[in-house]
Amino acid sequence: MVKCATCAVKNKCLKDLKCDLIKPKYGKIKHVVGVISGKGGVGKSTVTGILAVQLRKLGYKVGVLDGDITGPSMPRFFGLEKEKTGYAPTEVEDVYKFVPVETGLGIKSISMNFMIDEEEPLLWKGPVLGNVLMQLFTDTDWGELDYLLIDMPPGTGDVAMTIMEQFPVDYLVMVSTPQSMVSMIVQKVVNMAEKLEIPVKGVIQNLSYIKCNHCGERMNVFTKNTAESQAEKMGLPLLAELPINPDFSEHLEAGQAERFAATNPEYEVIMEVFKDDEKEIYERNKAVKKKTIPFF
């Protein structure tokens, strides 16, 4: 934990609130966004990857931290499962920093699967998982980023709580699917974020519909209820609906999901939602007089 006396930005820091958030040692990050779901299997990591791509298309410098330590999947999304994290010396003798793997679009990514065999299980419990995640955040050479997306583990467990309590998270993005069971569990995460005073930008409903290949008719698969009505029940804005797309699955298997997400117009709805995001962050922080950790 960085202490006030040794903090590099102590002369710029506001003193009205206690500073207990971790900071990256190597690099400058403007905004940290957590992407989370109530349960697994809803495509949270896929949404994280698509969001990273759309932010990159907006011209932002983007990084992705694979925060699901025991179930990392971001390397697969970016087609980088055979890559390994590099290590670079620091100014301190015998101290090294992680070098993230860069995707084809220049998105910087760090994941445990860049450090171990892909199918090797990590038999770690909560405190160890939290400490490893914090080290991945603080000890990676991120360079200058506008956005760091954290692909969080689903649910309200130890790691999710660590991120909400100790990381400088600007807000969360919820990922759900059009099923009442999933929406109920997402509501638990929403309530958790509220208790920990973490803003929630809204919900992205994944696997929301499928289009007929012949006539283009949009068909709801799981429920007749609208995405808007489900988001309203959760008390959240509906940011976007993403389809079930067999073509995406084929590109994912071929290691080309990043390219598909960048060129398929169905995903540009996310780019539209986030194009004024920095202004929204500023206005939100101003309204609640939230202290922003000055990374730069």
Protein backbone atom coordinates (compact mmCIF):
# COMPACT_ATOMS: atom_id res chain seq x y z
CA MET A 1 0.00 0.00 0.00
CA VAL A 2 1.28 3.45 -0.94
CA LYS A 3 1.60 5.76 2.08
CA CYS A 4 1.02 9.52 1.94
CA ALA A 5 4.56 10.37 3.04
CA THR A 6 6.10 8.46 0.14
CA CYS A 7 3.41 9.02 -2.47
CA ALA A 8 4.77 10.57 -5.67
CA VAL A 9 1.68 12.76 -6.07
CA LYS A 10 1.25 13.84 -2.46
CA ASN A 11 1.51 17.53 -3.34
CA LYS A 12 -1.40 17.23 -5.81
CA CYS A 13 -3.58 14.95 -3.74
CA LEU A 14 -6.79 16.16 -2.12
CA LYS A 15 -6.82 15.63 1.63
CA ASP A 16 -10.56 15.46 2.29
CA LEU A 17 -10.68 11.68 1.96
CA LYS A 18 -8.35 8.96 3.09
CA CYS A 19 -6.30 7.48 0.25
CA ASP A 20 -6.29 3.70 0.51
CA LEU A 21 -6.29 2.72 -3.16
CA ILE A 22 -3.45 0.88 -4.83
CA LYS A 23 -1.63 2.51 -7.74
CA PRO A 24 0.42 1.21 -10.66
CA LYS A 25 4.16 1.51 -10.13
CA TYR A 26 5.02 1.57 -13.82
CA GLY A 27 2.78 3.65 -16.05
CA LYS A 28 -0.09 6.10 -16.01
CA ILE A 29 -3.74 5.01 -16.10
CA LYS A 30 -6.54 7.55 -16.40
CA HIS A 31 -9.59 5.33 -15.90
CA VAL A 32 -10.13 1.86 -14.41
CA VAL A 33 -13.34 0.03 -15.33
CA GLY A 34 -14.50 -3.27 -13.87
CA VAL A 35 -16.57 -5.63 -16.04
CA ILE A 36 -18.51 -8.09 -13.91
CA SER A 37 -21.41 -10.53 -13.96
CA GLY A 38 -23.44 -12.30 -11.33
CA LYS A 39 -22.54 -15.77 -12.57
CA GLY A 40 -20.27 -17.44 -15.09
CA GLY A 41 -21.21 -18.44 -18.61
CA VAL A 42 -22.86 -15.18 -19.68
CA GLY A 43 -20.00 -14.03 -21.93
CA LYS A 44 -18.46 -11.48 -19.58
CA SER A 45 -14.95 -11.95 -20.94
CA THR A 46 -16.26 -11.67 -24.48
CA VAL A 47 -17.98 -8.40 -23.60
CA THR A 48 -14.76 -7.17 -21.97
CA GLY A 49 -12.88 -7.90 -25.18
CA ILE A 50 -15.49 -6.25 -27.38
CA LEU A 51 -15.54 -3.17 -25.12
CA ALA A 52 -11.74 -2.95 -25.27
CA VAL A 53 -11.86 -3.10 -29.07
CA GLN A 54 -14.54 -0.42 -29.33
CA LEU A 55 -12.67 1.91 -26.96
CA ARG A 56 -9.57 1.36 -29.08
CA LYS A 57 -11.56 2.31 -32.18
CA LEU A 58 -12.47 5.56 -30.43
CA GLY A 59 -8.75 6.32 -30.30
CA TYR A 60 -8.11 5.48 -26.66
CA LYS A 61 -5.07 3.64 -25.34
CA VAL A 62 -6.51 0.52 -23.73
CA GLY A 63 -5.31 -2.25 -21.45
CA VAL A 64 -7.03 -5.37 -20.13
CA LEU A 65 -6.27 -7.01 -16.79
CA ASP A 66 -7.58 -10.58 -16.65
CA GLY A 67 -8.86 -10.49 -13.10
CA ASP A 68 -10.46 -13.94 -13.16
CA ILE A 69 -7.26 -15.51 -11.84
CA THR A 70 -8.48 -19.11 -11.65
CA GLY A 71 -10.49 -18.96 -14.88
CA PRO A 72 -8.62 -16.58 -17.21
CA SER A 73 -9.91 -16.39 -20.76
CA MET A 74 -8.78 -13.06 -22.23
CA PRO A 75 -5.78 -14.61 -24.05
CA ARG A 76 -8.23 -16.81 -25.95
CA PHE A 77 -10.37 -13.84 -26.96
CA PHE A 78 -7.36 -12.02 -28.37
CA GLY A 79 -5.92 -15.17 -30.01
CA LEU A 80 -2.81 -14.93 -27.83
CA GLU A 81 -3.03 -18.17 -25.85
CA LYS A 82 0.44 -19.24 -26.97
CA GLU A 83 2.09 -15.98 -25.89
CA LYS A 84 3.95 -15.48 -22.60
CA THR A 85 4.40 -12.42 -20.42
CA GLY A 86 7.82 -10.82 -20.54
CA TYR A 87 9.81 -9.47 -17.62
CA ALA A 88 11.94 -6.34 -17.58
CA PRO A 89 14.40 -4.99 -14.98
CA THR A 90 13.51 -1.91 -12.97
CA GLU A 91 15.72 0.75 -11.42
CA VAL A 92 15.88 -1.40 -8.29
CA GLU A 93 18.36 -4.25 -8.40
CA ASP A 94 16.80 -7.73 -8.65
CA VAL A 95 13.30 -6.23 -8.96
CA TYR A 96 11.42 -6.90 -12.20
CA LYS A 97 8.18 -5.74 -13.76
CA PHE A 98 5.71 -7.56 -15.98
CA VAL A 99 5.62 -6.66 -19.67
CA PRO A 100 2.07 -7.04 -21.03
CA VAL A 101 1.30 -8.82 -24.26
CA GLU A 102 -0.02 -6.56 -27.02
CA THR A 103 -2.86 -7.53 -29.33
CA GLY A 104 -3.11 -6.81 -33.03
CA LEU A 105 -4.88 -3.52 -32.29
CA GLY A 106 -2.31 -2.52 -29.68
CA ILE A 107 -4.39 -3.39 -26.59
CA LYS A 108 -2.11 -4.29 -23.67
CA SER A 109 -3.14 -7.41 -21.80
CA ILE A 110 -1.92 -9.25 -18.72
CA SER A 111 -3.24 -12.64 -17.59
CA MET A 112 -2.15 -15.60 -15.49
CA ASN A 113 -2.48 -17.72 -18.62
CA PHE A 114 0.44 -15.76 -20.07
CA MET A 115 2.55 -17.13 -17.20
CA ILE A 116 1.51 -20.77 -16.85
CA ASP A 117 0.36 -23.59 -19.10
CA GLU A 118 -3.17 -22.87 -20.22
CA GLU A 119 -4.68 -25.98 -18.66
CA GLU A 120 -2.68 -25.81 -15.39
CA PRO A 121 -5.03 -25.21 -12.42
CA LEU A 122 -4.20 -22.66 -9.73
CA LEU A 123 -4.98 -24.17 -6.34
CA TRP A 124 -5.06 -20.85 -4.49
CA LYS A 125 -7.50 -19.51 -1.93
CA GLY A 126 -9.00 -16.04 -1.59
CA PRO A 127 -6.20 -14.02 0.09
CA VAL A 128 -3.57 -15.35 -2.32
CA LEU A 129 -5.80 -14.61 -5.32
CA GLY A 130 -6.34 -11.05 -4.15
CA ASN A 131 -2.63 -10.44 -3.57
CA VAL A 132 -1.69 -11.85 -6.98
CA LEU A 133 -4.28 -9.67 -8.69
CA MET A 134 -2.96 -6.57 -6.94
CA GLN A 135 0.57 -7.46 -8.02
CA LEU A 136 -0.53 -7.85 -11.63
CA PHE A 137 -2.04 -4.37 -11.44
CA THR A 138 0.79 -2.60 -9.64
CA ASP A 139 3.82 -4.39 -11.15
CA THR A 140 2.89 -4.35 -14.84
CA ASP A 141 4.50 -1.80 -17.15
CA TRP A 142 1.27 -0.38 -18.57
CA GLY A 143 2.81 2.66 -20.20
CA GLU A 144 0.20 5.38 -20.69
CA LEU A 145 -3.39 4.14 -20.79
CA ASP A 146 -6.67 5.96 -21.09
CA TYR A 147 -8.60 2.88 -19.95
CA LEU A 148 -7.73 -0.27 -18.06
CA LEU A 149 -10.54 -2.82 -18.17
CA ILE A 150 -10.58 -5.46 -15.45
CA ASP A 151 -12.29 -8.69 -16.46
CA MET A 152 -13.56 -9.51 -12.97
CA PRO A 153 -14.53 -12.95 -11.67
CA PRO A 154 -18.31 -13.41 -11.44
CA GLY A 155 -20.22 -13.00 -8.22
CA THR A 156 -19.57 -11.29 -4.91
CA GLY A 157 -16.54 -13.22 -3.66
CA ASP A 158 -13.17 -12.22 -2.23
CA VAL A 159 -11.54 -11.09 -5.47
CA ALA A 160 -14.49 -8.95 -6.56
CA MET A 161 -14.52 -7.34 -3.14
CA THR A 162 -10.75 -6.71 -3.31
CA ILE A 163 -11.16 -4.91 -6.63
CA MET A 164 -14.05 -2.77 -5.41
CA GLU A 165 -12.37 -1.85 -2.14
CA GLN A 166 -8.70 -1.42 -3.10
CA PHE A 167 -8.54 -0.62 -6.82
CA PRO A 168 -9.18 2.91 -8.18
CA VAL A 169 -12.30 1.81 -10.05
CA ASP A 170 -14.22 4.59 -11.80
CA TYR A 171 -17.28 2.42 -12.35
CA LEU A 172 -18.54 -1.07 -13.12
CA VAL A 173 -20.22 -2.47 -16.21
CA MET A 174 -22.63 -5.32 -15.52
CA VAL A 175 -23.03 -8.18 -17.99
CA SER A 176 -26.22 -10.20 -18.02
CA THR A 177 -28.26 -12.48 -20.26
CA PRO A 178 -32.06 -12.40 -20.80
CA GLN A 179 -32.93 -14.88 -18.06
CA SER A 180 -34.64 -14.05 -14.78
CA MET A 181 -32.26 -16.33 -12.84
CA VAL A 182 -29.23 -14.46 -14.20
CA SER A 183 -30.83 -11.06 -13.58
CA MET A 184 -31.52 -12.02 -9.97
CA ILE A 185 -27.87 -12.90 -9.37
CA VAL A 186 -26.67 -9.76 -11.15
CA GLN A 187 -28.83 -7.80 -8.72
CA LYS A 188 -26.69 -9.17 -5.88
CA VAL A 189 -23.60 -7.65 -7.50
CA VAL A 190 -25.45 -4.37 -8.06
CA ASN A 191 -26.38 -4.28 -4.38
CA MET A 192 -22.78 -5.09 -3.42
CA ALA A 193 -21.48 -2.22 -5.55
CA GLU A 194 -23.99 0.11 -3.93
CA LYS A 195 -22.88 -0.88 -0.44
CA LEU A 196 -19.24 -0.29 -1.40
CA GLU A 197 -20.14 3.01 -3.13
CA ILE A 198 -18.89 1.95 -6.57
CA PRO A 199 -20.85 3.53 -9.46
CA VAL A 200 -22.43 1.23 -12.04
CA LYS A 201 -22.60 2.67 -15.55
CA GLY A 202 -25.23 0.20 -16.68
CA VAL A 203 -25.83 -3.31 -17.99
CA ILE A 204 -24.91 -4.92 -21.29
CA GLN A 205 -27.26 -7.76 -22.14
CA ASN A 206 -25.33 -10.46 -23.96
CA LEU A 207 -26.83 -13.33 -25.98
CA SER A 208 -29.92 -11.15 -26.23
CA TYR A 209 -31.25 -12.31 -29.59
CA ILE A 210 -30.40 -14.10 -32.83
CA LYS A 211 -31.02 -12.94 -36.37
CA CYS A 212 -32.43 -15.17 -39.10
CA ASN A 213 -29.82 -15.68 -41.83
CA HIS A 214 -32.52 -15.52 -44.52
CA CYS A 215 -34.87 -12.68 -43.59
CA GLY A 216 -32.91 -10.85 -40.88
CA GLU A 217 -35.78 -11.16 -38.40
CA ARG A 218 -34.65 -10.68 -34.83
CA MET A 219 -35.73 -13.50 -32.52
CA ASN A 220 -35.50 -13.59 -28.72
CA VAL A 221 -34.25 -17.00 -27.58
CA PHE A 222 -34.51 -17.07 -23.78
CA THR A 223 -37.48 -14.86 -22.93
CA LYS A 224 -40.20 -12.67 -24.36
CA ASN A 225 -39.37 -9.93 -21.87
CA THR A 226 -37.52 -6.95 -23.33
CA ALA A 227 -33.97 -6.08 -22.36
CA GLU A 228 -35.23 -2.66 -21.29
CA SER A 229 -37.70 -4.17 -18.82
CA GLN A 230 -35.04 -6.43 -17.30
CA ALA A 231 -32.59 -3.54 -16.94
CA GLU A 232 -35.34 -1.48 -15.32
CA LYS A 233 -35.92 -4.23 -12.75
CA MET A 234 -32.22 -4.02 -11.87
CA GLY A 235 -32.45 -0.25 -11.66
CA LEU A 236 -29.75 0.16 -14.33
CA PRO A 237 -29.49 1.83 -17.73
CA LEU A 238 -29.42 -0.61 -20.63
CA LEU A 239 -26.15 0.13 -22.41
CA ALA A 240 -26.43 -2.36 -25.27
CA GLU A 241 -27.88 -5.65 -26.46
CA LEU A 242 -25.45 -8.05 -28.10
CA PRO A 243 -26.61 -10.94 -30.27
CA ILE A 244 -25.89 -14.65 -30.40
CA ASN A 245 -23.65 -14.76 -33.44
CA PRO A 246 -22.35 -18.11 -34.76
CA ASP A 247 -19.89 -16.23 -37.00
CA PHE A 248 -18.32 -14.69 -33.91
CA SER A 249 -17.86 -18.16 -32.40
CA GLU A 250 -16.07 -19.32 -35.54
CA HIS A 251 -13.74 -16.32 -35.46
CA LEU A 252 -13.10 -16.88 -31.75
CA GLU A 253 -12.08 -20.49 -32.38
CA ALA A 254 -9.77 -19.26 -35.14
CA GLY A 255 -8.15 -16.65 -32.89
CA GLN A 256 -9.73 -13.79 -34.83
CA ALA A 257 -12.33 -12.50 -32.35
CA GLU A 258 -10.58 -9.14 -31.96
CA ARG A 259 -10.68 -8.50 -35.71
CA PHE A 260 -14.31 -9.62 -35.95
CA ALA A 261 -15.34 -7.33 -33.09
CA ALA A 262 -13.55 -4.43 -34.76
CA THR A 263 -15.19 -4.87 -38.16
CA ASN A 264 -18.70 -6.13 -37.38
CA PRO A 265 -21.17 -3.19 -37.20
CA GLU A 266 -23.35 -5.03 -34.65
CA TYR A 267 -20.85 -4.11 -31.95
CA GLU A 268 -20.61 -0.41 -32.78
CA VAL A 269 -23.53 0.22 -30.44
CA ILE A 270 -21.01 -0.08 -27.60
CA MET A 271 -18.77 2.53 -29.23
CA GLU A 272 -21.72 4.92 -29.33
CA VAL A 273 -22.51 4.38 -25.64
CA PHE A 274 -18.92 5.06 -24.54
CA LYS A 275 -17.96 7.93 -26.84
CA ASP A 276 -18.79 10.54 -24.16
CA ASP A 277 -17.62 8.39 -21.27
CA GLU A 278 -14.82 10.63 -20.00
CA LYS A 279 -17.24 13.54 -19.68
CA GLU A 280 -19.67 11.32 -17.77
CA ILE A 281 -16.91 10.23 -15.38
CA TYR A 282 -15.96 13.85 -14.71
CA GLU A 283 -19.55 14.91 -14.09
CA ARG A 284 -20.21 11.91 -11.83
CA ASN A 285 -17.12 12.52 -9.73
CA LYS A 286 -17.89 16.22 -9.52
CA ALA A 287 -21.44 15.52 -8.36
CA VAL A 288 -20.33 13.27 -5.50
CA LYS A 289 -17.10 15.20 -4.84
CA LYS A 290 -15.17 11.99 -5.32
CA LYS A 291 -11.41 12.23 -5.04
CA THR A 292 -9.69 11.07 -8.21
CA ILE A 293 -6.29 9.49 -7.73
CA PRO A 294 -4.02 11.65 -9.91
CA PHE A 295 -1.94 9.14 -11.85
CA PHE A 296 -0.55 11.79 -14.16
